[in-house]
Protein backbone atom coordinates (compact mmCIF):
# COMPACT_ATOMS: atom_id res chain seq x y z
CA UNK A 1 0.06 -0.01 -0.01
CA UNK A 2 3.03 2.40 0.52
CA UNK A 3 2.88 3.37 -3.10
CA UNK A 4 -0.71 4.59 -2.78
CA UNK A 5 -2.21 2.34 -5.53
CA UNK A 6 -4.03 0.12 -3.20
CA UNK A 7 -7.52 0.25 -1.64
CA UNK A 8 -8.00 -1.18 1.89
CA UNK A 9 -11.29 -2.86 2.31
CA UNK A 10 -12.31 -2.96 5.89
CA UNK A 11 -14.93 -5.64 7.00
CA UNK A 12 -13.68 -5.26 10.43
CA UNK A 13 -15.75 -6.69 13.20
CA UNK A 14 -14.19 -6.47 16.63
CA UNK A 15 -13.58 -2.88 16.12
CA UNK A 16 -12.77 -2.03 19.63
CA UNK A 17 -9.88 -4.52 19.54
CA UNK A 18 -8.66 -3.54 16.02
CA UNK A 19 -9.17 0.20 16.01
CA UNK A 20 -9.83 0.99 19.63
CA UNK A 21 -8.70 4.14 21.44
CA UNK A 22 -5.45 2.77 22.54
CA UNK A 23 -5.62 4.17 25.97
CA UNK A 24 -3.95 1.07 27.36
CA UNK A 25 -6.79 0.09 29.65
CA UNK A 26 -8.73 -2.21 27.38
CA UNK A 27 -8.56 -5.98 27.67
CA UNK A 28 -6.45 -6.81 24.73
CA UNK A 29 -2.91 -7.77 23.72
CA UNK A 30 -0.48 -5.24 24.73
CA UNK A 31 0.64 -4.48 21.20
CA UNK A 32 -2.96 -3.62 20.09
CA UNK A 33 -3.37 -1.27 23.15
CA UNK A 34 -0.91 1.15 21.40
CA UNK A 35 -0.73 0.14 17.74
CA UNK A 36 -3.38 -0.81 15.16
CA UNK A 37 -2.18 -2.77 12.13
CA UNK A 38 -5.49 -1.96 10.49
CA UNK A 39 -5.08 1.87 10.86
CA UNK A 40 -1.31 1.72 9.94
CA UNK A 41 -2.36 -0.07 6.54
CA UNK A 42 -5.40 2.28 5.92
CA UNK A 43 -3.00 5.27 6.16
CA UNK A 44 -0.70 3.90 3.56
CA UNK A 45 -3.34 3.11 0.86
CA UNK A 46 -4.85 5.32 -1.79
CA UNK A 47 -8.41 4.76 -0.20
CA UNK A 48 -10.34 2.75 2.52
CA UNK A 49 -13.68 1.37 2.20
CA UNK A 50 -15.81 0.51 5.23
CA UNK A 51 -19.26 -0.83 5.56
CA UNK A 52 -20.96 1.94 7.43
CA UNK A 53 -20.77 5.65 8.60
CA UNK A 54 -19.81 4.69 12.24
CA UNK A 55 -16.68 2.85 11.29
CA UNK A 56 -15.85 5.55 8.72
CA UNK A 57 -15.97 8.20 11.50
CA UNK A 58 -13.79 6.15 13.92
CA UNK A 59 -11.03 5.52 11.28
CA UNK A 60 -11.21 9.12 10.23
CA UNK A 61 -10.61 10.13 13.87
CA UNK A 62 -7.46 8.13 13.68
CA UNK A 63 -6.15 10.22 10.92
CA UNK A 64 -7.21 8.05 7.92
CA UNK A 65 -8.00 9.95 4.73
CA UNK A 66 -9.99 9.03 1.77
CA UNK A 67 -12.43 6.74 3.60
CA UNK A 68 -15.54 5.76 1.72
CA UNK A 69 -18.57 4.10 3.32
CA UNK A 70 -20.02 1.60 0.87
CA UNK A 71 -22.89 -0.50 2.40
CA UNK A 72 -23.44 -4.07 1.25
CA UNK A 73 -26.08 -4.16 -1.63
CA UNK A 74 -28.50 -7.02 -2.42
CA UNK A 75 -30.89 -7.86 -5.08
CA UNK A 76 -33.97 -8.56 -2.99
CA UNK A 77 -35.95 -10.15 -5.86
CA UNK A 78 -33.52 -12.95 -5.73
CA UNK A 79 -34.58 -13.92 -2.19
CA UNK A 80 -38.29 -13.09 -2.54
CA UNK A 81 -40.86 -15.84 -1.75
CA UNK A 82 -44.00 -15.23 -3.75
CA UNK A 83 -45.74 -18.43 -2.39
CA UNK A 84 -49.10 -17.56 -0.76
CA UNK A 85 -48.84 -20.67 1.41
CA UNK A 86 -50.27 -20.02 4.82
CA UNK A 87 -48.63 -22.02 7.71
CA UNK A 88 -48.97 -22.10 11.38
CA UNK A 89 -45.24 -22.84 11.53
CA UNK A 90 -42.73 -19.94 12.13
CA UNK A 91 -39.41 -20.46 10.44
CA UNK A 92 -36.39 -18.55 11.92
CA UNK A 93 -33.05 -18.40 10.03
CA UNK A 94 -29.54 -17.72 11.32
CA UNK A 95 -26.78 -17.41 8.88
CA UNK A 96 -23.33 -17.02 9.84
CA UNK A 97 -20.21 -18.76 11.29
CA UNK A 98 -21.10 -20.84 14.45
CA UNK A 99 -18.47 -19.27 16.90
CA UNK A 100 -18.93 -17.85 20.25
CA UNK A 101 -18.81 -14.38 18.97
CA UNK A 102 -22.02 -14.97 17.04
CA UNK A 103 -23.97 -15.79 20.15
CA UNK A 104 -25.80 -18.84 18.90
CA UNK A 105 -25.90 -20.02 22.68
CA UNK A 106 -27.87 -16.91 23.52
CA UNK A 107 -30.28 -17.72 20.66
CA UNK A 108 -30.74 -21.49 21.96
CA UNK A 109 -31.26 -20.23 25.55
CA UNK A 110 -33.95 -17.81 24.56
CA UNK A 111 -35.65 -20.33 22.21
CA UNK A 112 -36.28 -22.49 25.23
CA UNK A 113 -38.42 -19.78 26.77
CA UNK A 114 -40.06 -18.66 23.52
CA UNK A 115 -40.97 -22.12 22.32
CA UNK A 116 -42.48 -23.09 25.68
CA UNK A 117 -44.91 -20.11 25.40
CA UNK A 118 -45.78 -20.11 21.68
CA UNK A 119 -48.88 -21.42 20.17
CA UNK A 120 -47.12 -21.88 16.77
CA UNK A 121 -44.64 -24.48 15.84
CA UNK A 122 -41.21 -22.80 15.80
CA UNK A 123 -38.35 -24.09 13.61
CA UNK A 124 -34.85 -22.62 13.64
CA UNK A 125 -32.36 -23.23 10.93
CA UNK A 126 -28.76 -22.52 11.66
CA UNK A 127 -26.70 -22.27 8.50
CA UNK A 128 -22.99 -21.66 8.61
CA UNK A 129 -19.54 -23.10 9.06
CA UNK A 130 -19.53 -25.63 11.76
CA UNK A 131 -15.74 -26.40 11.45
CA UNK A 132 -14.33 -23.31 12.86
CA UNK A 133 -14.93 -24.04 16.57
CA UNK A 134 -15.89 -27.69 16.95
CA UNK A 135 -16.02 -27.30 20.89
CA UNK A 136 -18.48 -24.44 20.56
CA UNK A 137 -20.66 -26.54 18.13
CA UNK A 138 -20.56 -29.31 20.69
CA UNK A 139 -21.77 -26.88 23.34
CA UNK A 140 -24.63 -25.65 21.00
CA UNK A 141 -25.74 -29.34 20.33
CA UNK A 142 -25.58 -29.91 24.28
CA UNK A 143 -27.86 -26.90 24.68
CA UNK A 144 -30.24 -28.19 22.09
CA UNK A 145 -30.46 -31.44 23.91
CA UNK A 146 -30.61 -29.83 27.41
CA UNK A 147 -33.58 -27.66 26.45
CA UNK A 148 -35.37 -30.35 24.53
CA UNK A 149 -35.14 -28.49 21.19
CA UNK A 150 -34.08 -31.25 18.83
CA UNK A 151 -37.45 -31.01 16.88
CA UNK A 152 -37.16 -27.36 16.57
CA UNK A 153 -33.51 -26.41 15.92
CA UNK A 154 -31.42 -27.80 13.14
CA UNK A 155 -27.63 -27.13 12.33
CA UNK A 156 -26.97 -27.29 8.47
CA UNK A 157 -23.44 -26.33 8.26
CA UNK A 158 -22.26 -24.71 5.12
CA UNK A 159 -24.63 -24.71 2.12
CA UNK A 160 -24.36 -23.56 -1.50
CA UNK A 161 -25.59 -20.24 -2.61
CA UNK A 162 -28.63 -21.95 -4.30
CA UNK A 163 -29.53 -23.57 -1.03
CA UNK A 164 -28.94 -20.36 0.83
CA UNK A 165 -31.35 -18.57 -1.31
CA UNK A 166 -34.00 -21.24 -0.47
CA UNK A 167 -33.46 -20.94 3.23
CA UNK A 168 -33.85 -17.16 3.09
CA UNK A 169 -36.86 -17.44 0.90
CA UNK A 170 -38.77 -19.91 3.23
CA UNK A 171 -37.75 -17.92 6.34
CA UNK A 172 -40.34 -15.78 8.29
CA UNK A 173 -37.58 -13.99 9.98
CA UNK A 174 -33.73 -13.91 10.39
CA UNK A 175 -31.80 -13.46 13.63
CA UNK A 176 -28.32 -12.40 14.44
CA UNK A 177 -27.70 -12.82 18.17
CA UNK A 178 -24.05 -11.70 17.75
CA UNK A 179 -22.24 -10.37 20.80
CA UNK A 180 -20.30 -8.05 18.50
CA UNK A 181 -20.74 -7.29 14.73
CA UNK A 182 -19.01 -4.96 12.39
CA UNK A 183 -21.98 -4.75 9.90
CA UNK A 184 -24.45 -7.65 9.96
CA UNK A 185 -24.00 -8.55 6.22
CA UNK A 186 -26.18 -11.70 6.65
CA UNK A 187 -29.15 -9.69 7.85
């Protein structure tokens, strides 16, 4: 980036860790308390793109110039479900990696309460990479068993784009129980 011909595309997440204020009091590795590799690279590129205005403001406060906010666009017609099928069932969809940061455990714990009080059948489809944190996936499966949600919750793992379109099209709602998110692209 030093020759100013490159563009830095920042899909950050964990922003406090990666571009925090550097006051030395945050709970993060000591090098990141005083130095942000992301900011260092952004300053050396011709331009930086970020996903929202909040991140843009934060990096500009760090002295980064030529920052552009480019939100993710989507063709909603591709995901539209025009079926007029009435159903008593409610389909909830989560799409994303299955890692602690994404908060699937919070979703499962809350489902136990929601499902016990709902008059509808609730089905939750969890779609995303299951290989990143096998211990966490095991924890999720244990929570599903613990709360008796085996008939309601299904983990699908990674699916093709065509299958993903089908999941979105059949969902009544999507959820993202993330503990921290740069920009909820899946939503």
